[in-house]
N, C-alpha and C. Protein backbone atom coordinates (compact mmCIF):
# COMPACT_ATOMS: atom_id res chain seq x y z
N UNK A 1 0.84 -1.18 0.00
CA UNK A 1 0.00 0.00 0.00
C UNK A 1 0.89 1.24 0.00
N UNK A 2 0.45 2.29 -0.65
CA UNK A 2 1.23 3.53 -0.66
C UNK A 2 1.47 4.06 0.75
N UNK A 3 2.54 4.82 0.90
CA UNK A 3 2.96 5.34 2.20
C UNK A 3 1.90 6.18 2.89
N UNK A 4 1.07 6.87 2.13
CA UNK A 4 0.11 7.80 2.73
C UNK A 4 -1.24 7.16 3.06
N UNK A 5 -1.40 5.88 2.82
CA UNK A 5 -2.69 5.22 3.10
C UNK A 5 -2.70 4.61 4.49
N UNK A 6 -3.86 4.66 5.13
CA UNK A 6 -4.03 4.07 6.45
C UNK A 6 -4.20 2.56 6.33
N UNK A 7 -3.85 1.85 7.39
CA UNK A 7 -4.05 0.40 7.38
C UNK A 7 -5.54 0.09 7.40
N UNK A 8 -5.87 -1.10 6.95
CA UNK A 8 -7.27 -1.52 6.93
C UNK A 8 -7.33 -3.03 6.97
N UNK A 9 -8.52 -3.54 7.28
CA UNK A 9 -8.76 -4.98 7.29
C UNK A 9 -9.60 -5.34 6.07
N UNK A 10 -9.08 -6.28 5.28
CA UNK A 10 -9.80 -6.71 4.09
C UNK A 10 -11.00 -7.56 4.50
N UNK A 11 -12.18 -7.22 4.00
CA UNK A 11 -13.41 -7.92 4.37
C UNK A 11 -13.42 -9.38 3.92
N UNK A 12 -12.86 -9.65 2.73
CA UNK A 12 -12.94 -11.01 2.20
C UNK A 12 -11.98 -11.97 2.89
N UNK A 13 -10.85 -11.47 3.40
CA UNK A 13 -9.85 -12.35 4.01
C UNK A 13 -9.74 -12.19 5.53
N UNK A 14 -10.16 -11.05 6.05
CA UNK A 14 -10.00 -10.76 7.47
C UNK A 14 -8.59 -10.36 7.85
N UNK A 15 -7.71 -10.20 6.85
CA UNK A 15 -6.32 -9.83 7.11
C UNK A 15 -6.17 -8.32 7.20
N UNK A 16 -5.28 -7.88 8.09
CA UNK A 16 -4.98 -6.47 8.22
C UNK A 16 -3.80 -6.13 7.31
N UNK A 17 -3.95 -5.09 6.50
CA UNK A 17 -2.89 -4.65 5.60
C UNK A 17 -2.49 -3.23 5.96
N UNK A 18 -1.19 -2.94 5.84
CA UNK A 18 -0.69 -1.59 6.13
C UNK A 18 0.39 -1.23 5.12
N UNK A 19 0.76 0.03 5.11
CA UNK A 19 1.82 0.51 4.23
C UNK A 19 3.14 -0.15 4.60
N UNK A 20 4.03 -0.26 3.63
CA UNK A 20 5.36 -0.83 3.90
C UNK A 20 6.38 0.25 4.25
N UNK A 21 5.94 1.49 4.48
CA UNK A 21 6.84 2.62 4.72
C UNK A 21 7.79 2.39 5.89
N UNK A 22 7.36 1.67 6.90
CA UNK A 22 8.21 1.44 8.08
C UNK A 22 9.20 0.30 7.89
N UNK A 23 9.13 -0.39 6.77
CA UNK A 23 9.94 -1.59 6.59
C UNK A 23 10.96 -1.49 5.46
N UNK A 24 10.82 -0.47 4.61
CA UNK A 24 11.75 -0.30 3.48
C UNK A 24 11.77 1.17 3.08
N UNK A 25 12.95 1.66 2.71
CA UNK A 25 13.05 3.08 2.33
C UNK A 25 13.27 3.27 0.83
N UNK A 26 13.57 2.21 0.11
CA UNK A 26 13.82 2.32 -1.32
C UNK A 26 12.57 1.95 -2.11
N UNK A 27 12.64 2.16 -3.42
CA UNK A 27 11.55 1.77 -4.30
C UNK A 27 10.54 2.87 -4.52
N UNK A 28 9.66 2.61 -5.47
CA UNK A 28 8.60 3.55 -5.84
C UNK A 28 7.27 2.82 -5.87
N UNK A 29 6.19 3.56 -5.65
CA UNK A 29 4.85 2.97 -5.66
C UNK A 29 4.29 2.94 -7.08
N UNK A 30 3.53 1.91 -7.38
CA UNK A 30 2.87 1.78 -8.67
C UNK A 30 1.50 1.16 -8.51
N UNK A 31 0.73 1.19 -9.59
CA UNK A 31 -0.62 0.63 -9.61
C UNK A 31 -0.75 -0.24 -10.85
N UNK A 32 -1.37 -1.42 -10.71
CA UNK A 32 -1.53 -2.27 -11.89
C UNK A 32 -2.45 -1.58 -12.90
N UNK A 33 -2.18 -1.82 -14.18
CA UNK A 33 -2.96 -1.19 -15.25
C UNK A 33 -4.14 -2.06 -15.68
N UNK A 34 -3.99 -3.38 -15.52
CA UNK A 34 -5.06 -4.29 -15.94
C UNK A 34 -5.45 -5.16 -14.77
N UNK A 35 -6.73 -5.43 -14.67
CA UNK A 35 -7.21 -6.30 -13.59
C UNK A 35 -8.14 -7.36 -14.12
N UNK A 36 -9.07 -7.00 -14.96
CA UNK A 36 -10.03 -7.97 -15.48
C UNK A 36 -9.32 -8.93 -16.42
N UNK A 37 -9.72 -10.16 -16.36
CA UNK A 37 -9.14 -11.17 -17.23
C UNK A 37 -10.25 -11.96 -17.89
N UNK A 38 -9.85 -12.92 -18.66
CA UNK A 38 -10.83 -13.81 -19.27
C UNK A 38 -11.62 -14.57 -18.21
N UNK A 39 -11.03 -14.70 -17.02
CA UNK A 39 -11.67 -15.45 -15.94
C UNK A 39 -12.43 -14.54 -14.98
N UNK A 40 -12.43 -13.23 -15.21
CA UNK A 40 -13.15 -12.31 -14.35
C UNK A 40 -12.48 -12.12 -13.00
N UNK A 41 -11.15 -12.25 -12.93
CA UNK A 41 -10.43 -12.12 -11.68
C UNK A 41 -10.46 -10.67 -11.20
N UNK A 42 -10.76 -10.50 -9.92
CA UNK A 42 -10.68 -9.19 -9.27
C UNK A 42 -9.73 -9.35 -8.10
N UNK A 43 -8.77 -8.48 -7.99
CA UNK A 43 -7.80 -8.57 -6.91
C UNK A 43 -8.24 -7.75 -5.71
N UNK A 44 -7.85 -8.20 -4.50
CA UNK A 44 -8.11 -7.40 -3.32
C UNK A 44 -7.20 -6.17 -3.36
N UNK A 45 -7.56 -5.16 -2.63
CA UNK A 45 -6.89 -3.85 -2.69
C UNK A 45 -5.35 -3.93 -2.62
N UNK A 46 -4.75 -4.68 -1.69
CA UNK A 46 -3.29 -4.70 -1.62
C UNK A 46 -2.62 -5.25 -2.87
N UNK A 47 -3.31 -6.06 -3.65
CA UNK A 47 -2.71 -6.63 -4.84
C UNK A 47 -2.79 -5.69 -6.04
N UNK A 48 -3.54 -4.60 -5.91
CA UNK A 48 -3.65 -3.62 -6.99
C UNK A 48 -2.52 -2.59 -6.93
N UNK A 49 -1.90 -2.47 -5.78
CA UNK A 49 -0.76 -1.57 -5.58
C UNK A 49 0.51 -2.40 -5.54
N UNK A 50 1.63 -1.79 -5.84
CA UNK A 50 2.90 -2.51 -5.77
C UNK A 50 4.03 -1.55 -5.49
N UNK A 51 5.16 -2.10 -5.11
CA UNK A 51 6.39 -1.32 -4.96
C UNK A 51 7.38 -1.92 -5.95
N UNK A 52 7.99 -1.05 -6.75
CA UNK A 52 8.99 -1.52 -7.71
C UNK A 52 10.32 -0.85 -7.41
N UNK A 53 11.40 -1.48 -7.86
CA UNK A 53 12.74 -1.08 -7.47
C UNK A 53 13.63 -0.86 -8.70
N UNK A 54 13.52 0.34 -9.33
CA UNK A 54 14.31 0.61 -10.52
C UNK A 54 15.79 0.87 -10.22
N UNK A 55 16.11 1.14 -8.96
CA UNK A 55 17.50 1.45 -8.59
C UNK A 55 18.01 0.42 -7.59
N UNK A 56 19.30 0.16 -7.68
CA UNK A 56 19.93 -0.76 -6.75
C UNK A 56 19.77 -2.20 -7.18
N UNK A 57 20.78 -3.00 -6.86
CA UNK A 57 20.75 -4.42 -7.23
C UNK A 57 20.01 -5.26 -6.20
N UNK A 58 19.98 -4.78 -4.96
CA UNK A 58 19.36 -5.54 -3.87
C UNK A 58 18.57 -4.57 -2.99
N UNK A 59 17.27 -4.80 -2.88
CA UNK A 59 16.40 -3.96 -2.05
C UNK A 59 15.73 -4.86 -1.03
N UNK A 60 15.85 -4.50 0.25
CA UNK A 60 15.41 -5.40 1.32
C UNK A 60 14.39 -4.76 2.25
N UNK A 61 13.38 -5.57 2.58
CA UNK A 61 12.45 -5.24 3.65
C UNK A 61 13.10 -5.69 4.95
N UNK A 62 13.12 -4.82 5.96
CA UNK A 62 13.66 -5.17 7.27
C UNK A 62 12.51 -5.29 8.24
N UNK A 63 12.25 -6.52 8.68
CA UNK A 63 11.10 -6.81 9.53
C UNK A 63 11.53 -7.19 10.93
N UNK A 64 10.80 -6.71 11.92
CA UNK A 64 11.03 -7.11 13.30
C UNK A 64 10.16 -8.33 13.59
N UNK A 65 10.80 -9.39 14.04
CA UNK A 65 10.11 -10.66 14.31
C UNK A 65 10.51 -11.16 15.70
N UNK A 66 9.88 -12.24 16.12
CA UNK A 66 10.24 -12.88 17.39
C UNK A 66 11.11 -14.09 17.09
N UNK A 67 12.34 -14.05 17.58
CA UNK A 67 13.26 -15.16 17.39
C UNK A 67 12.64 -16.45 17.91
N UNK A 68 12.78 -17.53 17.13
CA UNK A 68 12.30 -18.83 17.56
C UNK A 68 10.82 -19.09 17.28
N UNK A 69 10.14 -18.14 16.65
CA UNK A 69 8.73 -18.31 16.29
C UNK A 69 8.63 -18.67 14.82
N UNK A 70 7.81 -19.66 14.50
CA UNK A 70 7.58 -20.00 13.09
C UNK A 70 6.66 -18.94 12.47
N UNK A 71 6.99 -18.52 11.25
CA UNK A 71 6.18 -17.57 10.51
C UNK A 71 5.83 -18.13 9.14
N UNK A 72 4.61 -17.90 8.72
CA UNK A 72 4.24 -18.12 7.33
C UNK A 72 4.54 -16.80 6.63
N UNK A 73 5.42 -16.85 5.65
CA UNK A 73 5.78 -15.66 4.88
C UNK A 73 5.24 -15.85 3.48
N UNK A 74 4.40 -14.94 3.04
CA UNK A 74 3.80 -15.01 1.71
C UNK A 74 4.17 -13.73 0.95
N UNK A 75 4.79 -13.92 -0.20
CA UNK A 75 5.12 -12.80 -1.09
C UNK A 75 4.24 -12.91 -2.33
N UNK A 76 3.52 -11.83 -2.64
CA UNK A 76 2.58 -11.83 -3.76
C UNK A 76 3.10 -10.86 -4.83
N UNK A 77 3.04 -11.31 -6.07
CA UNK A 77 3.53 -10.52 -7.20
C UNK A 77 2.45 -10.48 -8.27
N UNK A 78 1.77 -9.34 -8.44
CA UNK A 78 0.76 -9.15 -9.48
C UNK A 78 1.31 -8.08 -10.42
N UNK A 79 1.70 -8.48 -11.62
CA UNK A 79 2.33 -7.55 -12.56
C UNK A 79 1.35 -6.53 -13.11
N UNK A 80 0.25 -6.95 -13.68
CA UNK A 80 -0.78 -6.03 -14.16
C UNK A 80 -0.29 -4.98 -15.14
N UNK A 81 0.84 -5.24 -15.81
CA UNK A 81 1.41 -4.34 -16.80
C UNK A 81 1.59 -2.92 -16.24
N UNK A 82 1.96 -2.83 -14.97
CA UNK A 82 2.06 -1.53 -14.28
C UNK A 82 3.02 -0.56 -14.96
N UNK A 83 4.09 -1.07 -15.59
CA UNK A 83 5.10 -0.20 -16.20
C UNK A 83 5.05 -0.18 -17.72
N UNK A 84 4.11 -0.91 -18.30
CA UNK A 84 3.97 -1.00 -19.76
C UNK A 84 5.27 -1.46 -20.42
N UNK A 85 6.02 -2.31 -19.72
CA UNK A 85 7.29 -2.81 -20.23
C UNK A 85 7.27 -4.34 -20.23
N UNK A 86 8.45 -4.92 -20.21
CA UNK A 86 8.60 -6.38 -20.23
C UNK A 86 8.34 -6.97 -18.84
N UNK A 87 7.68 -8.13 -18.83
CA UNK A 87 7.48 -8.85 -17.56
C UNK A 87 8.84 -9.16 -16.94
N UNK A 88 8.93 -9.03 -15.61
CA UNK A 88 10.24 -9.16 -14.98
C UNK A 88 10.64 -10.58 -14.59
N UNK A 89 11.93 -10.70 -14.32
CA UNK A 89 12.53 -11.89 -13.75
C UNK A 89 13.57 -11.41 -12.75
N UNK A 90 13.50 -11.91 -11.51
CA UNK A 90 14.44 -11.48 -10.47
C UNK A 90 14.44 -12.54 -9.37
N UNK A 91 15.36 -12.39 -8.42
CA UNK A 91 15.47 -13.36 -7.33
C UNK A 91 14.90 -12.79 -6.04
N UNK A 92 14.48 -13.71 -5.18
CA UNK A 92 13.94 -13.37 -3.88
C UNK A 92 14.81 -14.08 -2.84
N UNK A 93 15.25 -13.32 -1.83
CA UNK A 93 16.11 -13.86 -0.78
C UNK A 93 15.44 -13.72 0.58
N UNK A 94 15.65 -14.71 1.42
CA UNK A 94 15.21 -14.70 2.80
C UNK A 94 16.49 -14.52 3.62
N UNK A 95 16.73 -13.28 4.07
CA UNK A 95 18.01 -12.95 4.68
C UNK A 95 19.09 -13.12 3.63
N UNK A 96 20.20 -13.78 3.97
CA UNK A 96 21.27 -13.97 2.99
C UNK A 96 21.04 -15.18 2.08
N UNK A 97 19.97 -15.92 2.32
CA UNK A 97 19.75 -17.18 1.62
C UNK A 97 18.77 -17.04 0.46
N UNK A 98 19.14 -17.64 -0.67
CA UNK A 98 18.27 -17.66 -1.84
C UNK A 98 16.96 -18.36 -1.49
N UNK A 99 15.84 -17.73 -1.87
CA UNK A 99 14.52 -18.33 -1.65
C UNK A 99 14.01 -18.91 -2.96
N UNK A 100 13.88 -18.05 -3.99
CA UNK A 100 13.36 -18.52 -5.28
C UNK A 100 13.61 -17.46 -6.34
N UNK A 101 13.41 -17.85 -7.59
CA UNK A 101 13.43 -16.90 -8.71
C UNK A 101 11.99 -16.59 -9.08
N UNK A 102 11.67 -15.32 -9.17
CA UNK A 102 10.36 -14.87 -9.65
C UNK A 102 10.53 -14.65 -11.14
N UNK A 103 9.88 -15.48 -11.94
CA UNK A 103 10.03 -15.41 -13.39
C UNK A 103 8.66 -15.25 -14.04
N UNK A 104 8.26 -14.02 -14.26
CA UNK A 104 6.97 -13.78 -14.91
C UNK A 104 7.11 -13.74 -16.43
N UNK A 105 8.34 -13.90 -16.94
CA UNK A 105 8.55 -13.99 -18.38
C UNK A 105 8.14 -15.37 -18.89
N UNK A 106 8.37 -16.38 -18.08
CA UNK A 106 7.98 -17.75 -18.39
C UNK A 106 6.82 -18.09 -17.46
N UNK A 107 5.59 -18.10 -17.96
CA UNK A 107 4.45 -18.25 -17.07
C UNK A 107 4.44 -19.52 -16.23
N UNK A 108 5.15 -20.53 -16.63
CA UNK A 108 5.19 -21.74 -15.81
C UNK A 108 6.45 -21.82 -14.98
N UNK A 109 7.44 -21.01 -15.28
CA UNK A 109 8.66 -20.99 -14.48
C UNK A 109 9.33 -22.35 -14.36
N UNK A 110 9.04 -23.25 -15.29
CA UNK A 110 9.62 -24.57 -15.24
C UNK A 110 8.88 -25.54 -14.33
N UNK A 111 7.84 -25.06 -13.65
CA UNK A 111 7.11 -25.91 -12.71
C UNK A 111 5.62 -25.77 -12.96
N UNK A 112 4.92 -26.87 -13.09
CA UNK A 112 3.48 -26.82 -13.32
C UNK A 112 2.71 -26.58 -12.03
N UNK A 113 3.36 -26.72 -10.90
CA UNK A 113 2.64 -26.69 -9.64
C UNK A 113 2.77 -25.39 -8.86
N UNK A 114 3.34 -24.37 -9.46
CA UNK A 114 3.46 -23.10 -8.75
C UNK A 114 2.09 -22.49 -8.53
N UNK A 115 1.99 -21.64 -7.54
CA UNK A 115 0.74 -20.94 -7.28
C UNK A 115 0.71 -19.73 -8.19
N UNK A 116 -0.20 -19.75 -9.15
CA UNK A 116 -0.25 -18.66 -10.12
C UNK A 116 -1.52 -17.86 -9.94
N UNK A 117 -1.34 -16.56 -9.98
CA UNK A 117 -2.47 -15.65 -10.08
C UNK A 117 -2.69 -15.45 -11.57
N UNK A 118 -3.73 -14.76 -11.94
CA UNK A 118 -4.00 -14.52 -13.35
C UNK A 118 -2.83 -13.79 -14.01
N UNK A 119 -2.19 -12.87 -13.31
CA UNK A 119 -1.10 -12.09 -13.89
C UNK A 119 0.05 -11.96 -12.89
N UNK A 120 0.40 -13.07 -12.26
CA UNK A 120 1.47 -13.02 -11.29
C UNK A 120 1.67 -14.36 -10.61
N UNK A 121 2.28 -14.32 -9.45
CA UNK A 121 2.56 -15.54 -8.70
C UNK A 121 2.60 -15.25 -7.21
N UNK A 122 2.54 -16.31 -6.43
CA UNK A 122 2.63 -16.23 -4.98
C UNK A 122 3.71 -17.20 -4.52
N UNK A 123 4.56 -16.76 -3.62
CA UNK A 123 5.57 -17.64 -3.03
C UNK A 123 5.33 -17.69 -1.53
N UNK A 124 5.41 -18.88 -0.96
CA UNK A 124 5.21 -19.05 0.48
C UNK A 124 6.34 -19.89 1.07
N UNK A 125 6.70 -19.55 2.30
CA UNK A 125 7.68 -20.33 3.04
C UNK A 125 7.32 -20.24 4.52
N UNK A 126 7.57 -21.31 5.25
CA UNK A 126 7.46 -21.28 6.71
C UNK A 126 8.89 -21.21 7.22
N UNK A 127 9.16 -20.18 8.02
CA UNK A 127 10.53 -19.90 8.43
C UNK A 127 10.57 -19.54 9.91
N UNK A 128 11.62 -20.00 10.60
CA UNK A 128 11.83 -19.63 11.99
C UNK A 128 13.11 -18.79 12.07
N UNK A 129 12.96 -17.48 12.28
CA UNK A 129 14.14 -16.60 12.33
C UNK A 129 15.07 -16.94 13.49
N UNK A 130 16.36 -16.74 13.26
CA UNK A 130 17.36 -16.99 14.29
C UNK A 130 17.69 -15.72 15.07
N UNK A 131 17.06 -14.61 14.70
CA UNK A 131 17.24 -13.35 15.43
C UNK A 131 15.91 -12.60 15.41
N UNK A 132 15.89 -11.42 15.97
CA UNK A 132 14.67 -10.62 16.02
C UNK A 132 14.49 -9.74 14.79
N UNK A 133 15.39 -9.85 13.83
CA UNK A 133 15.28 -9.12 12.57
C UNK A 133 15.30 -10.10 11.41
N UNK A 134 14.54 -9.77 10.38
CA UNK A 134 14.49 -10.62 9.19
C UNK A 134 14.45 -9.73 7.96
N UNK A 135 15.38 -9.96 7.04
CA UNK A 135 15.40 -9.24 5.77
C UNK A 135 14.81 -10.13 4.69
N UNK A 136 13.92 -9.55 3.89
CA UNK A 136 13.41 -10.21 2.70
C UNK A 136 13.79 -9.30 1.54
N UNK A 137 14.61 -9.83 0.63
CA UNK A 137 15.24 -9.00 -0.39
C UNK A 137 14.82 -9.39 -1.80
N UNK A 138 14.63 -8.38 -2.64
CA UNK A 138 14.39 -8.55 -4.06
C UNK A 138 15.68 -8.18 -4.76
N UNK A 139 16.21 -9.10 -5.57
CA UNK A 139 17.53 -8.92 -6.17
C UNK A 139 17.40 -8.91 -7.69
N UNK A 140 17.87 -7.82 -8.27
CA UNK A 140 17.85 -7.65 -9.73
C UNK A 140 18.88 -8.59 -10.35
N UNK A 141 18.46 -9.37 -11.35
CA UNK A 141 19.37 -10.34 -11.97
C UNK A 141 19.57 -10.08 -13.46
N UNK A 142 18.89 -9.10 -14.02
CA UNK A 142 19.00 -8.81 -15.45
C UNK A 142 18.62 -7.36 -15.69
N UNK A 143 17.87 -7.13 -16.77
CA UNK A 143 17.52 -5.75 -17.13
C UNK A 143 16.13 -5.34 -16.68
N UNK A 144 15.33 -6.28 -16.18
CA UNK A 144 13.97 -5.94 -15.76
C UNK A 144 13.96 -5.48 -14.30
N UNK A 145 12.86 -4.87 -13.90
CA UNK A 145 12.74 -4.24 -12.59
C UNK A 145 11.99 -5.13 -11.60
N UNK A 146 12.63 -5.48 -10.47
CA UNK A 146 11.93 -6.25 -9.44
C UNK A 146 10.77 -5.45 -8.85
N UNK A 147 9.73 -6.15 -8.41
CA UNK A 147 8.58 -5.50 -7.77
C UNK A 147 7.92 -6.49 -6.82
N UNK A 148 7.07 -5.98 -5.95
CA UNK A 148 6.29 -6.83 -5.06
C UNK A 148 4.95 -6.16 -4.79
N UNK A 149 3.89 -6.95 -4.76
CA UNK A 149 2.55 -6.42 -4.49
C UNK A 149 2.21 -6.47 -3.02
N UNK A 150 2.56 -7.56 -2.37
CA UNK A 150 2.20 -7.73 -0.96
C UNK A 150 3.20 -8.67 -0.30
N UNK A 151 3.55 -8.34 0.93
CA UNK A 151 4.39 -9.20 1.74
C UNK A 151 3.64 -9.45 3.03
N UNK A 152 3.26 -10.71 3.25
CA UNK A 152 2.45 -11.07 4.41
C UNK A 152 3.29 -11.91 5.36
N UNK A 153 3.22 -11.57 6.62
CA UNK A 153 3.97 -12.26 7.66
C UNK A 153 2.99 -12.66 8.75
N UNK A 154 2.85 -13.97 8.96
CA UNK A 154 1.88 -14.47 9.94
C UNK A 154 2.57 -15.40 10.93
N UNK A 155 2.56 -15.05 12.22
CA UNK A 155 3.13 -15.97 13.21
C UNK A 155 2.25 -17.21 13.34
N UNK A 156 2.88 -18.35 13.52
CA UNK A 156 2.16 -19.62 13.66
C UNK A 156 2.27 -20.12 15.10
N UNK A 157 1.33 -20.95 15.49
CA UNK A 157 1.39 -21.57 16.82
C UNK A 157 2.63 -22.45 16.92
N UNK A 158 3.14 -22.59 18.12
CA UNK A 158 4.35 -23.39 18.33
C UNK A 158 4.19 -24.84 17.91
N UNK A 159 2.97 -25.37 18.01
CA UNK A 159 2.77 -26.78 17.70
C UNK A 159 2.38 -27.03 16.24
N UNK A 160 2.41 -25.98 15.42
CA UNK A 160 2.02 -26.14 14.02
C UNK A 160 3.06 -26.96 13.25
N UNK A 161 4.34 -26.63 13.41
CA UNK A 161 5.42 -27.35 12.76
C UNK A 161 6.49 -27.64 13.79
N UNK A 162 7.06 -28.83 13.74
CA UNK A 162 8.00 -29.24 14.79
C UNK A 162 9.46 -29.04 14.41
N UNK A 163 9.77 -28.48 13.26
CA UNK A 163 11.16 -28.26 12.90
C UNK A 163 11.75 -27.18 13.81
N UNK A 164 13.01 -27.35 14.19
CA UNK A 164 13.66 -26.36 15.04
C UNK A 164 14.60 -25.46 14.25
N UNK A 165 14.98 -25.88 13.06
CA UNK A 165 15.81 -25.05 12.20
C UNK A 165 15.37 -25.26 10.76
N UNK A 166 15.83 -24.39 9.90
CA UNK A 166 15.52 -24.51 8.49
C UNK A 166 14.16 -23.95 8.14
N UNK A 167 13.88 -23.91 6.86
CA UNK A 167 12.63 -23.36 6.35
C UNK A 167 11.89 -24.43 5.56
N UNK A 168 10.59 -24.27 5.46
CA UNK A 168 9.75 -25.18 4.68
C UNK A 168 9.12 -24.39 3.55
N UNK A 169 9.55 -24.66 2.32
CA UNK A 169 9.03 -23.94 1.16
C UNK A 169 7.83 -24.68 0.60
N UNK A 170 6.80 -23.91 0.27
CA UNK A 170 5.62 -24.51 -0.36
C UNK A 170 5.99 -24.99 -1.75
N UNK A 171 5.71 -26.24 -2.03
CA UNK A 171 5.99 -26.81 -3.34
C UNK A 171 4.73 -26.86 -4.18
N UNK A 172 3.64 -27.27 -3.58
CA UNK A 172 2.41 -27.44 -4.35
C UNK A 172 1.20 -27.23 -3.46
N UNK A 173 0.13 -26.76 -4.05
CA UNK A 173 -1.13 -26.63 -3.34
C UNK A 173 -2.24 -27.04 -4.30
N UNK A 174 -3.14 -27.85 -3.80
CA UNK A 174 -4.28 -28.29 -4.59
C UNK A 174 -5.54 -27.93 -3.83
N UNK A 175 -6.51 -27.38 -4.52
CA UNK A 175 -7.79 -27.06 -3.92
C UNK A 175 -8.83 -28.06 -4.39
N UNK A 176 -9.57 -28.64 -3.46
CA UNK A 176 -10.65 -29.57 -3.78
C UNK A 176 -11.92 -29.07 -3.12
N UNK A 177 -13.03 -29.10 -3.85
CA UNK A 177 -14.32 -28.77 -3.25
C UNK A 177 -15.44 -29.17 -4.18
N UNK A 178 -16.61 -29.29 -3.61
CA UNK A 178 -17.80 -29.57 -4.40
C UNK A 178 -18.23 -28.28 -5.09
N UNK A 179 -19.08 -28.39 -6.08
CA UNK A 179 -19.53 -27.18 -6.77
C UNK A 179 -20.18 -26.15 -5.85
N UNK A 180 -20.86 -26.61 -4.83
CA UNK A 180 -21.52 -25.68 -3.92
C UNK A 180 -20.58 -25.32 -2.77
N UNK A 181 -20.28 -24.03 -2.57
CA UNK A 181 -19.37 -23.65 -1.49
C UNK A 181 -19.97 -23.81 -0.10
N UNK A 182 -21.25 -24.17 -0.01
CA UNK A 182 -21.87 -24.33 1.30
C UNK A 182 -21.60 -25.69 1.91
N UNK A 183 -21.05 -26.62 1.16
CA UNK A 183 -20.77 -27.97 1.67
C UNK A 183 -19.27 -28.21 1.67
N UNK A 184 -18.78 -28.76 2.75
CA UNK A 184 -17.37 -29.11 2.84
C UNK A 184 -17.14 -30.48 2.22
N UNK A 185 -15.98 -30.67 1.63
CA UNK A 185 -15.64 -31.96 1.04
C UNK A 185 -14.55 -32.63 1.85
N UNK A 186 -14.62 -33.92 1.96
CA UNK A 186 -13.56 -34.69 2.57
C UNK A 186 -13.00 -35.59 1.48
N UNK A 187 -11.71 -35.43 1.20
CA UNK A 187 -11.05 -36.22 0.18
C UNK A 187 -10.31 -37.35 0.88
N UNK A 188 -10.60 -38.60 0.49
CA UNK A 188 -9.95 -39.75 1.12
C UNK A 188 -9.15 -40.51 0.09
């Protein structure tokens, strides 16, 4: 969200979103140019805004976290032709460690199971920081400009995952349900 906007709670998700002004000093704000698709996709407010980084090779969000707590970290990238240029390709780092390559030039990125939005992608990892600070960095790897639409950080209960070190990267997600959203499905 732009620096001058107040935080708010999204009605559809119940999540609270706020400006990233307190977490990063570089980059510029942008707005996606296209939203409607052949599938009628409408993005929630935070996905319509983005921060892009035309300067610097490495731009990092500095987040205050609780050491030893597991966090679900979700990075959302909705291109929406915001710059009327070429779709980008860049790297994402979790602290000093490589997390993944964001490649919107190749819609499948070499993997059929990535979480794809109509015009972007989502990356998720469960991570337990070793200190009270955590950097999430976008690293320029070519001529295109790195950007991010939303960075979500959610603390998890201690008993959710039993790993004491390392991170768990989401590899695949499958959604199953009956045609009617009022009935829950059990897949066996």
